[in-house]
Amino acid sequence: MASEKFKMPVAAHLLLIKEGKILLLRRLNTGYEDGNYSVVAGHLDGDEDVKAAMIREAKEEAGIDINSNNLEIVGVMHRKSEVERIDFFLATDSWNNEIVNMEPEKCDDLS
């Protein structure tokens, strides 16, 4: 009997840097780490690469547009907790549009 191929969740986290500060969002009603601050982040969907996922999440969560050439992968972490996963950390100091809380049902503060 052939074994099922191992699949690992992949997430991308974005460090939006402006004047030496990083944007943080306080989680709300998500069921995970509610009340704590996080950066713009999300899981990859289907055939997305890491940069495409980060561009999508930045638009969905903060209303901003980012050019993939302005995204730099600054770290990768292999987590071995209850669910083994890979996290990519990307950074940029260049985007279009003003940052807006696009998901007020999931985020109650931008800092």
PDB file of N, CA and C in Angstrom:
ATOM      1  N   MET A   1       0.846  -1.179   0.000  1.00  0.00           N
ATOM      2  CA  MET A   1       0.000   0.000   0.000  1.00  0.00           C
ATOM      3  C   MET A   1       0.890   1.241   0.000  1.00  0.00           C
ATOM      4  N   ALA A   2       0.640   2.149  -0.918  1.00  0.00           N
ATOM      5  CA  ALA A   2       1.438   3.378  -1.018  1.00  0.00           C
ATOM      6  C   ALA A   2       1.058   4.342   0.096  1.00  0.00           C
ATOM      7  N   SER A   3       2.064   4.974   0.660  1.00  0.00           N
ATOM      8  CA  SER A   3       1.788   5.947   1.718  1.00  0.00           C
ATOM      9  C   SER A   3       1.382   7.281   1.104  1.00  0.00           C
ATOM     10  N   GLU A   4       0.557   8.012   1.856  1.00  0.00           N
ATOM     11  CA  GLU A   4       0.122   9.328   1.401  1.00  0.00           C
ATOM     12  C   GLU A   4       1.295  10.298   1.486  1.00  0.00           C
ATOM     13  N   LYS A   5       1.420  11.165   0.502  1.00  0.00           N
ATOM     14  CA  LYS A   5       2.504  12.139   0.481  1.00  0.00           C
ATOM     15  C   LYS A   5       2.358  13.106   1.651  1.00  0.00           C
ATOM     16  N   PHE A   6       3.467  13.366   2.329  1.00  0.00           N
ATOM     17  CA  PHE A   6       3.489  14.287   3.462  1.00  0.00           C
ATOM     18  C   PHE A   6       3.236  15.705   2.977  1.00  0.00           C
ATOM     19  N   LYS A   7       2.323  16.416   3.643  1.00  0.00           N
ATOM     20  CA  LYS A   7       2.024  17.800   3.293  1.00  0.00           C
ATOM     21  C   LYS A   7       2.237  18.663   4.521  1.00  0.00           C
ATOM     22  N   MET A   8       2.906  19.780   4.326  1.00  0.00           N
ATOM     23  CA  MET A   8       3.217  20.679   5.429  1.00  0.00           C
ATOM     24  C   MET A   8       2.628  22.057   5.142  1.00  0.00           C
ATOM     25  N   PRO A   9       1.860  22.630   6.097  1.00  0.00           N
ATOM     26  CA  PRO A   9       1.349  23.990   5.899  1.00  0.00           C
ATOM     27  C   PRO A   9       2.500  24.985   5.781  1.00  0.00           C
ATOM     28  N   VAL A  10       2.317  25.959   4.897  1.00  0.00           N
ATOM     29  CA  VAL A  10       3.307  27.015   4.700  1.00  0.00           C
ATOM     30  C   VAL A  10       2.615  28.352   4.927  1.00  0.00           C
ATOM     31  N   ALA A  11       3.238  29.198   5.742  1.00  0.00           N
ATOM     32  CA  ALA A  11       2.696  30.530   6.020  1.00  0.00           C
ATOM     33  C   ALA A  11       3.733  31.586   5.672  1.00  0.00           C
ATOM     34  N   ALA A  12       3.229  32.780   5.379  1.00  0.00           N
ATOM     35  CA  ALA A  12       4.096  33.919   5.084  1.00  0.00           C
ATOM     36  C   ALA A  12       3.751  35.053   6.043  1.00  0.00           C
ATOM     37  N   HIS A  13       4.773  35.727   6.546  1.00  0.00           N
ATOM     38  CA  HIS A  13       4.625  36.823   7.512  1.00  0.00           C
ATOM     39  C   HIS A  13       5.332  38.044   6.936  1.00  0.00           C
ATOM     40  N   LEU A  14       4.690  39.219   7.037  1.00  0.00           N
ATOM     41  CA  LEU A  14       5.220  40.416   6.393  1.00  0.00           C
ATOM     42  C   LEU A  14       5.631  41.484   7.397  1.00  0.00           C
ATOM     43  N   LEU A  15       6.877  41.900   7.299  1.00  0.00           N
ATOM     44  CA  LEU A  15       7.372  43.024   8.085  1.00  0.00           C
ATOM     45  C   LEU A  15       7.248  44.263   7.209  1.00  0.00           C
ATOM     46  N   LEU A  16       6.225  45.085   7.488  1.00  0.00           N
ATOM     47  CA  LEU A  16       6.030  46.353   6.789  1.00  0.00           C
ATOM     48  C   LEU A  16       6.782  47.408   7.575  1.00  0.00           C
ATOM     49  N   ILE A  17       7.842  47.940   6.992  1.00  0.00           N
ATOM     50  CA  ILE A  17       8.754  48.828   7.717  1.00  0.00           C
ATOM     51  C   ILE A  17       8.604  50.256   7.213  1.00  0.00           C
ATOM     52  N   LYS A  18       8.343  51.171   8.161  1.00  0.00           N
ATOM     53  CA  LYS A  18       8.249  52.598   7.831  1.00  0.00           C
ATOM     54  C   LYS A  18       8.869  53.390   8.969  1.00  0.00           C
ATOM     55  N   GLU A  19       9.860  54.206   8.639  1.00  0.00           N
ATOM     56  CA  GLU A  19      10.547  55.048   9.622  1.00  0.00           C
ATOM     57  C   GLU A  19      11.064  54.223  10.806  1.00  0.00           C
ATOM     58  N   GLY A  20      11.598  53.038  10.501  1.00  0.00           N
ATOM     59  CA  GLY A  20      12.177  52.179  11.522  1.00  0.00           C
ATOM     60  C   GLY A  20      11.174  51.429  12.380  1.00  0.00           C
ATOM     61  N   LYS A  21       9.892  51.498  12.024  1.00  0.00           N
ATOM     62  CA  LYS A  21       8.845  50.807  12.786  1.00  0.00           C
ATOM     63  C   LYS A  21       8.205  49.734  11.923  1.00  0.00           C
ATOM     64  N   ILE A  22       7.680  48.694  12.594  1.00  0.00           N
ATOM     65  CA  ILE A  22       7.023  47.577  11.914  1.00  0.00           C
ATOM     66  C   ILE A  22       5.547  47.589  12.280  1.00  0.00           C
ATOM     67  N   LEU A  23       4.679  47.481  11.268  1.00  0.00           N
ATOM     68  CA  LEU A  23       3.239  47.455  11.504  1.00  0.00           C
ATOM     69  C   LEU A  23       2.844  46.189  12.254  1.00  0.00           C
ATOM     70  N   LEU A  24       2.040  46.360  13.311  1.00  0.00           N
ATOM     71  CA  LEU A  24       1.478  45.241  14.056  1.00  0.00           C
ATOM     72  C   LEU A  24      -0.042  45.352  14.049  1.00  0.00           C
ATOM     73  N   LEU A  25      -0.709  44.200  14.011  1.00  0.00           N
ATOM     74  CA  LEU A  25      -2.161  44.130  14.047  1.00  0.00           C
ATOM     75  C   LEU A  25      -2.563  43.296  15.257  1.00  0.00           C
ATOM     76  N   ARG A  26      -3.566  43.754  16.021  1.00  0.00           N
ATOM     77  CA  ARG A  26      -4.024  42.965  17.175  1.00  0.00           C
ATOM     78  C   ARG A  26      -5.155  42.046  16.725  1.00  0.00           C
ATOM     79  N   ARG A  27      -4.958  40.752  16.953  1.00  0.00           N
ATOM     80  CA  ARG A  27      -5.891  39.716  16.525  1.00  0.00           C
ATOM     81  C   ARG A  27      -7.182  39.762  17.336  1.00  0.00           C
ATOM     82  N   LEU A  28      -8.299  39.459  16.667  1.00  0.00           N
ATOM     83  CA  LEU A  28      -9.622  39.503  17.284  1.00  0.00           C
ATOM     84  C   LEU A  28     -10.511  38.436  16.651  1.00  0.00           C
ATOM     85  N   ASN A  29     -11.187  37.652  17.484  1.00  0.00           N
ATOM     86  CA  ASN A  29     -12.197  36.688  17.008  1.00  0.00           C
ATOM     87  C   ASN A  29     -11.689  35.691  15.972  1.00  0.00           C
ATOM     88  N   THR A  30     -10.419  35.322  16.037  1.00  0.00           N
ATOM     89  CA  THR A  30      -9.886  34.365  15.066  1.00  0.00           C
ATOM     90  C   THR A  30      -9.791  32.955  15.639  1.00  0.00           C
ATOM     91  N   GLY A  31      -9.809  32.861  16.976  1.00  0.00           N
ATOM     92  CA  GLY A  31      -9.641  31.569  17.616  1.00  0.00           C
ATOM     93  C   GLY A  31      -8.187  31.177  17.805  1.00  0.00           C
ATOM     94  N   TYR A  32      -7.269  32.043  17.381  1.00  0.00           N
ATOM     95  CA  TYR A  32      -5.838  31.763  17.531  1.00  0.00           C
ATOM     96  C   TYR A  32      -5.130  33.040  17.966  1.00  0.00           C
ATOM     97  N   GLU A  33      -4.554  33.009  19.153  1.00  0.00           N
ATOM     98  CA  GLU A  33      -3.767  34.131  19.669  1.00  0.00           C
ATOM     99  C   GLU A  33      -4.541  35.452  19.713  1.00  0.00           C
ATOM    100  N   ASP A  34      -5.863  35.381  19.916  1.00  0.00           N
ATOM    101  CA  ASP A  34      -6.663  36.604  20.006  1.00  0.00           C
ATOM    102  C   ASP A  34      -6.158  37.493  21.133  1.00  0.00           C
ATOM    103  N   GLY A  35      -6.119  38.795  20.890  1.00  0.00           N
ATOM    104  CA  GLY A  35      -5.619  39.761  21.861  1.00  0.00           C
ATOM    105  C   GLY A  35      -4.136  40.038  21.722  1.00  0.00           C
ATOM    106  N   ASN A  36      -3.425  39.196  21.001  1.00  0.00           N
ATOM    107  CA  ASN A  36      -1.992  39.393  20.780  1.00  0.00           C
ATOM    108  C   ASN A  36      -1.760  40.108  19.454  1.00  0.00           C
ATOM    109  N   TYR A  37      -0.604  40.749  19.368  1.00  0.00           N
ATOM    110  CA  TYR A  37      -0.237  41.447  18.140  1.00  0.00           C
ATOM    111  C   TYR A  37       0.530  40.519  17.207  1.00  0.00           C
ATOM    112  N   SER A  38       0.338  40.745  15.918  1.00  0.00           N
ATOM    113  CA  SER A  38       0.992  39.963  14.879  1.00  0.00           C
ATOM    114  C   SER A  38       1.289  40.887  13.702  1.00  0.00           C
ATOM    115  N   VAL A  39       2.067  40.411  12.777  1.00  0.00           N
ATOM    116  CA  VAL A  39       2.268  41.131  11.523  1.00  0.00           C
ATOM    117  C   VAL A  39       1.238  40.623  10.515  1.00  0.00           C
ATOM    118  N   VAL A  40       1.130  41.273   9.375  1.00  0.00           N
ATOM    119  CA  VAL A  40       0.298  40.761   8.289  1.00  0.00           C
ATOM    120  C   VAL A  40       0.820  39.367   7.958  1.00  0.00           C
ATOM    121  N   ALA A  41      -0.082  38.386   7.889  1.00  0.00           N
ATOM    122  CA  ALA A  41       0.366  37.010   7.670  1.00  0.00           C
ATOM    123  C   ALA A  41      -0.777  36.161   7.130  1.00  0.00           C
ATOM    124  N   GLY A  42      -0.415  35.014   6.569  1.00  0.00           N
ATOM    125  CA  GLY A  42      -1.419  34.077   6.102  1.00  0.00           C
ATOM    126  C   GLY A  42      -0.785  32.855   5.475  1.00  0.00           C
ATOM    127  N   HIS A  43      -1.633  31.879   5.182  1.00  0.00           N
ATOM    128  CA  HIS A  43      -1.181  30.634   4.571  1.00  0.00           C
ATOM    129  C   HIS A  43      -1.211  30.738   3.053  1.00  0.00           C
ATOM    130  N   LEU A  44      -0.366  29.962   2.417  1.00  0.00           N
ATOM    131  CA  LEU A  44      -0.363  29.897   0.963  1.00  0.00           C
ATOM    132  C   LEU A  44      -1.598  29.153   0.486  1.00  0.00           C
ATOM    133  N   ASP A  45      -2.176  29.627  -0.611  1.00  0.00           N
ATOM    134  CA  ASP A  45      -3.335  28.991  -1.233  1.00  0.00           C
ATOM    135  C   ASP A  45      -2.894  28.279  -2.502  1.00  0.00           C
ATOM    136  N   GLY A  46      -3.199  27.003  -2.599  1.00  0.00           N
ATOM    137  CA  GLY A  46      -2.989  26.267  -3.844  1.00  0.00           C
ATOM    138  C   GLY A  46      -1.635  26.437  -4.481  1.00  0.00           C
ATOM    139  N   ASP A  47      -1.631  26.970  -5.693  1.00  0.00           N
ATOM    140  CA  ASP A  47      -0.406  27.066  -6.482  1.00  0.00           C
ATOM    141  C   ASP A  47       0.381  28.359  -6.264  1.00  0.00           C
ATOM    142  N   GLU A  48       0.107  29.101  -5.186  1.00  0.00           N
ATOM    143  CA  GLU A  48       0.825  30.352  -4.926  1.00  0.00           C
ATOM    144  C   GLU A  48       2.261  30.094  -4.500  1.00  0.00           C
ATOM    145  N   ASP A  49       3.140  31.026  -4.880  1.00  0.00           N
ATOM    146  CA  ASP A  49       4.456  31.023  -4.262  1.00  0.00           C
ATOM    147  C   ASP A  49       4.402  31.974  -3.062  1.00  0.00           C
ATOM    148  N   VAL A  50       5.464  32.035  -2.301  1.00  0.00           N
ATOM    149  CA  VAL A  50       5.479  32.801  -1.054  1.00  0.00           C
ATOM    150  C   VAL A  50       5.223  34.287  -1.305  1.00  0.00           C
ATOM    151  N   LYS A  51       5.865  34.849  -2.313  1.00  0.00           N
ATOM    152  CA  LYS A  51       5.669  36.278  -2.585  1.00  0.00           C
ATOM    153  C   LYS A  51       4.239  36.575  -3.034  1.00  0.00           C
ATOM    154  N   ALA A  52       3.667  35.717  -3.863  1.00  0.00           N
ATOM    155  CA  ALA A  52       2.284  35.920  -4.309  1.00  0.00           C
ATOM    156  C   ALA A  52       1.322  35.864  -3.127  1.00  0.00           C
ATOM    157  N   ALA A  53       1.542  34.934  -2.213  1.00  0.00           N
ATOM    158  CA  ALA A  53       0.695  34.842  -1.019  1.00  0.00           C
ATOM    159  C   ALA A  53       0.815  36.099  -0.174  1.00  0.00           C
ATOM    160  N   MET A  54       2.033  36.617  -0.039  1.00  0.00           N
ATOM    161  CA  MET A  54       2.241  37.804   0.787  1.00  0.00           C
ATOM    162  C   MET A  54       1.591  39.025   0.163  1.00  0.00           C
ATOM    163  N   ILE A  55       1.668  39.147  -1.150  1.00  0.00           N
ATOM    164  CA  ILE A  55       1.018  40.251  -1.855  1.00  0.00           C
ATOM    165  C   ILE A  55      -0.494  40.180  -1.650  1.00  0.00           C
ATOM    166  N   ARG A  56      -1.061  38.978  -1.759  1.00  0.00           N
ATOM    167  CA  ARG A  56      -2.502  38.785  -1.556  1.00  0.00           C
ATOM    168  C   ARG A  56      -2.904  39.133  -0.132  1.00  0.00           C
ATOM    169  N   GLU A  57      -2.171  38.624   0.851  1.00  0.00           N
ATOM    170  CA  GLU A  57      -2.503  38.880   2.255  1.00  0.00           C
ATOM    171  C   GLU A  57      -2.377  40.363   2.604  1.00  0.00           C
ATOM    172  N   ALA A  58      -1.374  41.039   2.058  1.00  0.00           N
ATOM    173  CA  ALA A  58      -1.203  42.475   2.324  1.00  0.00           C
ATOM    174  C   ALA A  58      -2.408  43.259   1.814  1.00  0.00           C
ATOM    175  N   LYS A  59      -2.917  42.870   0.659  1.00  0.00           N
ATOM    176  CA  LYS A  59      -4.106  43.528   0.103  1.00  0.00           C
ATOM    177  C   LYS A  59      -5.332  43.208   0.951  1.00  0.00           C
ATOM    178  N   GLU A  60      -5.513  41.932   1.313  1.00  0.00           N
ATOM    179  CA  GLU A  60      -6.687  41.513   2.081  1.00  0.00           C
ATOM    180  C   GLU A  60      -6.717  42.114   3.483  1.00  0.00           C
ATOM    181  N   GLU A  61      -5.575  42.178   4.151  1.00  0.00           N
ATOM    182  CA  GLU A  61      -5.538  42.608   5.549  1.00  0.00           C
ATOM    183  C   GLU A  61      -5.282  44.095   5.731  1.00  0.00           C
ATOM    184  N   ALA A  62      -4.451  44.688   4.870  1.00  0.00           N
ATOM    185  CA  ALA A  62      -4.041  46.084   5.081  1.00  0.00           C
ATOM    186  C   ALA A  62      -4.386  47.011   3.921  1.00  0.00           C
ATOM    187  N   GLY A  63      -4.973  46.481   2.841  1.00  0.00           N
ATOM    188  CA  GLY A  63      -5.404  47.311   1.729  1.00  0.00           C
ATOM    189  C   GLY A  63      -4.285  47.899   0.891  1.00  0.00           C
ATOM    190  N   ILE A  64      -3.104  47.312   0.975  1.00  0.00           N
ATOM    191  CA  ILE A  64      -1.961  47.868   0.247  1.00  0.00           C
ATOM    192  C   ILE A  64      -1.546  46.972  -0.916  1.00  0.00           C
ATOM    193  N   ASP A  65      -0.903  47.593  -1.892  1.00  0.00           N
ATOM    194  CA  ASP A  65      -0.364  46.879  -3.045  1.00  0.00           C
ATOM    195  C   ASP A  65       1.154  46.873  -2.946  1.00  0.00           C
ATOM    196  N   ILE A  66       1.731  45.693  -3.133  1.00  0.00           N
ATOM    197  CA  ILE A  66       3.185  45.538  -3.063  1.00  0.00           C
ATOM    198  C   ILE A  66       3.670  44.906  -4.358  1.00  0.00           C
ATOM    199  N   ASN A  67       4.745  45.431  -4.901  1.00  0.00           N
ATOM    200  CA  ASN A  67       5.399  44.850  -6.064  1.00  0.00           C
ATOM    201  C   ASN A  67       6.314  43.731  -5.573  1.00  0.00           C
ATOM    202  N   SER A  68       6.263  42.583  -6.219  1.00  0.00           N
ATOM    203  CA  SER A  68       7.075  41.440  -5.769  1.00  0.00           C
ATOM    204  C   SER A  68       8.567  41.758  -5.745  1.00  0.00           C
ATOM    205  N   ASN A  69       9.013  42.680  -6.606  1.00  0.00           N
ATOM    206  CA  ASN A  69      10.429  43.064  -6.610  1.00  0.00           C
ATOM    207  C   ASN A  69      10.831  43.813  -5.341  1.00  0.00           C
ATOM    208  N   ASN A  70       9.842  44.329  -4.604  1.00  0.00           N
ATOM    209  CA  ASN A  70      10.121  45.062  -3.366  1.00  0.00           C
ATOM    210  C   ASN A  70      10.016  44.185  -2.121  1.00  0.00           C
ATOM    211  N   LEU A  71       9.763  42.897  -2.299  1.00  0.00           N
ATOM    212  CA  LEU A  71       9.688  41.961  -1.175  1.00  0.00           C
ATOM    213  C   LEU A  71      10.999  41.198  -1.049  1.00  0.00           C
ATOM    214  N   GLU A  72      11.518  41.148   0.158  1.00  0.00           N
ATOM    215  CA  GLU A  72      12.746  40.399   0.421  1.00  0.00           C
ATOM    216  C   GLU A  72      12.456  39.313   1.456  1.00  0.00           C
ATOM    217  N   ILE A  73      12.855  38.094   1.165  1.00  0.00           N
ATOM    218  CA  ILE A  73      12.737  37.017   2.153  1.00  0.00           C
ATOM    219  C   ILE A  73      13.868  37.207   3.153  1.00  0.00           C
ATOM    220  N   VAL A  74      13.495  37.424   4.422  1.00  0.00           N
ATOM    221  CA  VAL A  74      14.495  37.720   5.452  1.00  0.00           C
ATOM    222  C   VAL A  74      14.660  36.590   6.463  1.00  0.00           C
ATOM    223  N   GLY A  75      13.808  35.575   6.376  1.00  0.00           N
ATOM    224  CA  GLY A  75      13.951  34.455   7.300  1.00  0.00           C
ATOM    225  C   GLY A  75      13.006  33.321   6.967  1.00  0.00           C
ATOM    226  N   VAL A  76      13.382  32.124   7.390  1.00  0.00           N
ATOM    227  CA  VAL A  76      12.565  30.926   7.231  1.00  0.00           C
ATOM    228  C   VAL A  76      12.660  30.148   8.530  1.00  0.00           C
ATOM    229  N   MET A  77      11.514  29.647   9.012  1.00  0.00           N
ATOM    230  CA  MET A  77      11.508  28.892  10.263  1.00  0.00           C
ATOM    231  C   MET A  77      10.728  27.589  10.060  1.00  0.00           C
ATOM    232  N   HIS A  78      11.321  26.486  10.473  1.00  0.00           N
ATOM    233  CA  HIS A  78      10.669  25.183  10.445  1.00  0.00           C
ATOM    234  C   HIS A  78      10.172  24.907  11.858  1.00  0.00           C
ATOM    235  N   ARG A  79       8.846  24.943  12.028  1.00  0.00           N
ATOM    236  CA  ARG A  79       8.273  24.716  13.366  1.00  0.00           C
ATOM    237  C   ARG A  79       7.848  23.261  13.508  1.00  0.00           C
ATOM    238  N   LYS A  80       8.189  22.677  14.629  1.00  0.00           N
ATOM    239  CA  LYS A  80       7.804  21.296  14.915  1.00  0.00           C
ATOM    240  C   LYS A  80       6.959  21.281  16.179  1.00  0.00           C
ATOM    241  N   SER A  81       5.776  21.880  16.104  1.00  0.00           N
ATOM    242  CA  SER A  81       4.855  21.859  17.235  1.00  0.00           C
ATOM    243  C   SER A  81       3.799  20.801  16.949  1.00  0.00           C
ATOM    244  N   GLU A  82       2.575  21.008  17.401  1.00  0.00           N
ATOM    245  CA  GLU A  82       1.518  20.026  17.143  1.00  0.00           C
ATOM    246  C   GLU A  82       1.352  19.767  15.651  1.00  0.00           C
ATOM    247  N   VAL A  83       1.434  20.846  14.880  1.00  0.00           N
ATOM    248  CA  VAL A  83       1.370  20.731  13.421  1.00  0.00           C
ATOM    249  C   VAL A  83       2.688  21.252  12.867  1.00  0.00           C
ATOM    250  N   GLU A  84       3.439  20.363  12.242  1.00  0.00           N
ATOM    251  CA  GLU A  84       4.717  20.775  11.655  1.00  0.00           C
ATOM    252  C   GLU A  84       4.441  21.727  10.500  1.00  0.00           C
ATOM    253  N   ARG A  85       5.212  22.834  10.430  1.00  0.00           N
ATOM    254  CA  ARG A  85       4.964  23.838   9.395  1.00  0.00           C
ATOM    255  C   ARG A  85       6.224  24.606   9.058  1.00  0.00           C
ATOM    256  N   ILE A  86       6.156  25.320   7.947  1.00  0.00           N
ATOM    257  CA  ILE A  86       7.233  26.205   7.511  1.00  0.00           C
ATOM    258  C   ILE A  86       6.682  27.626   7.478  1.00  0.00           C
ATOM    259  N   ASP A  87       7.425  28.565   8.055  1.00  0.00           N
ATOM    260  CA  ASP A  87       7.052  29.976   8.039  1.00  0.00           C
ATOM    261  C   ASP A  87       8.126  30.762   7.297  1.00  0.00           C
ATOM    262  N   PHE A  88       7.694  31.589   6.353  1.00  0.00           N
ATOM    263  CA  PHE A  88       8.583  32.500   5.640  1.00  0.00           C
ATOM    264  C   PHE A  88       8.334  33.906   6.159  1.00  0.00           C
ATOM    265  N   PHE A  89       9.398  34.658   6.361  1.00  0.00           N
ATOM    266  CA  PHE A  89       9.300  36.040   6.816  1.00  0.00           C
ATOM    267  C   PHE A  89       9.837  36.929   5.703  1.00  0.00           C
ATOM    268  N   LEU A  90       9.005  37.870   5.278  1.00  0.00           N
ATOM    269  CA  LEU A  90       9.363  38.787   4.206  1.00  0.00           C
ATOM    270  C   LEU A  90       9.316  40.209   4.738  1.00  0.00           C
ATOM    271  N   ALA A  91      10.040  41.107   4.089  1.00  0.00           N
ATOM    272  CA  ALA A  91      10.067  42.506   4.524  1.00  0.00           C
ATOM    273  C   ALA A  91      10.000  43.422   3.321  1.00  0.00           C
ATOM    274  N   THR A  92       9.410  44.592   3.547  1.00  0.00           N
ATOM    275  CA  THR A  92       9.406  45.652   2.542  1.00  0.00           C
ATOM    276  C   THR A  92       9.253  46.998   3.231  1.00  0.00           C
ATOM    277  N   ASP A  93       9.783  48.014   2.580  1.00  0.00           N
ATOM    278  CA  ASP A  93       9.558  49.386   3.039  1.00  0.00           C
ATOM    279  C   ASP A  93       8.912  50.197   1.918  1.00  0.00           C
ATOM    280  N   SER A  94       8.345  49.483   0.935  1.00  0.00           N
ATOM    281  CA  SER A  94       7.755  50.143  -0.225  1.00  0.00           C
ATOM    282  C   SER A  94       6.424  49.495  -0.584  1.00  0.00           C
ATOM    283  N   TRP A  95       5.360  50.293  -0.582  1.00  0.00           N
ATOM    284  CA  TRP A  95       4.039  49.818  -0.973  1.00  0.00           C
ATOM    285  C   TRP A  95       3.214  51.000  -1.449  1.00  0.00           C
ATOM    286  N   ASN A  96       2.090  50.685  -2.096  1.00  0.00           N
ATOM    287  CA  ASN A  96       1.158  51.709  -2.569  1.00  0.00           C
ATOM    288  C   ASN A  96      -0.114  51.656  -1.734  1.00  0.00           C
ATOM    289  N   ASN A  97      -0.746  52.801  -1.572  1.00  0.00           N
ATOM    290  CA  ASN A  97      -1.982  52.996  -0.811  1.00  0.00           C
ATOM    291  C   ASN A  97      -1.663  53.183   0.670  1.00  0.00           C
ATOM    292  N   GLU A  98      -2.601  53.783   1.356  1.00  0.00           N
ATOM    293  CA  GLU A  98      -2.485  53.947   2.805  1.00  0.00           C
ATOM    294  C   GLU A  98      -2.891  52.642   3.476  1.00  0.00           C
ATOM    295  N   ILE A  99      -2.259  52.323   4.579  1.00  0.00           N
ATOM    296  CA  ILE A  99      -2.609  51.124   5.336  1.00  0.00           C
ATOM    297  C   ILE A  99      -3.968  51.340   5.993  1.00  0.00           C
ATOM    298  N   VAL A 100      -4.869  50.374   5.792  1.00  0.00           N
ATOM    299  CA  VAL A 100      -6.225  50.423   6.329  1.00  0.00           C
ATOM    300  C   VAL A 100      -6.544  49.048   6.910  1.00  0.00           C
ATOM    301  N   ASN A 101      -7.270  49.009   8.010  1.00  0.00           N
ATOM    302  CA  ASN A 101      -7.719  47.739   8.580  1.00  0.00           C
ATOM    303  C   ASN A 101      -8.859  47.203   7.718  1.00  0.00           C
ATOM    304  N   MET A 102      -8.557  46.245   6.857  1.00  0.00           N
ATOM    305  CA  MET A 102      -9.539  45.683   5.935  1.00  0.00           C
ATOM    306  C   MET A 102     -10.359  44.558   6.560  1.00  0.00           C
ATOM    307  N   GLU A 103      -9.949  44.089   7.740  1.00  0.00           N
ATOM    308  CA  GLU A 103     -10.652  42.981   8.394  1.00  0.00           C
ATOM    309  C   GLU A 103     -10.974  43.346   9.843  1.00  0.00           C
ATOM    310  N   PRO A 104     -11.851  44.334  10.073  1.00  0.00           N
ATOM    311  CA  PRO A 104     -12.145  44.753  11.445  1.00  0.00           C
ATOM    312  C   PRO A 104     -12.770  43.651  12.298  1.00  0.00           C
ATOM    313  N   GLU A 105     -13.325  42.631  11.666  1.00  0.00           N
ATOM    314  CA  GLU A 105     -13.875  41.506  12.419  1.00  0.00           C
ATOM    315  C   GLU A 105     -12.773  40.572  12.928  1.00  0.00           C
ATOM    316  N   LYS A 106     -11.542  40.712  12.393  1.00  0.00           N
ATOM    317  CA  LYS A 106     -10.412  39.872  12.795  1.00  0.00           C
ATOM    318  C   LYS A 106      -9.274  40.662  13.430  1.00  0.00           C
ATOM    319  N   CYS A 107      -9.389  41.997  13.410  1.00  0.00           N
ATOM    320  CA  CYS A 107      -8.308  42.857  13.899  1.00  0.00           C
ATOM    321  C   CYS A 107      -8.926  44.112  14.493  1.00  0.00           C
ATOM    322  N   ASP A 108      -8.565  44.440  15.750  1.00  0.00           N
ATOM    323  CA  ASP A 108      -9.163  45.623  16.373  1.00  0.00           C
ATOM    324  C   ASP A 108      -8.171  46.750  16.628  1.00  0.00           C
ATOM    325  N   ASP A 109      -6.923  46.610  16.170  1.00  0.00           N
ATOM    326  CA  ASP A 109      -5.960  47.688  16.359  1.00  0.00           C
ATOM    327  C   ASP A 109      -4.800  47.522  15.386  1.00  0.00           C
ATOM    328  N   LEU A 110      -4.368  48.644  14.827  1.00  0.00           N
ATOM    329  CA  LEU A 110      -3.147  48.697  14.027  1.00  0.00           C
ATOM    330  C   LEU A 110      -2.168  49.549  14.798  1.00  0.00           C
ATOM    331  N   SER A 111      -0.951  49.057  14.951  1.00  0.00           N
ATOM    332  CA  SER A 111       0.017  49.803  15.746  1.00  0.00           C
ATOM    333  C   SER A 111       1.375  49.788  15.072  1.00  0.00           C
TER     334      SER A 111
END
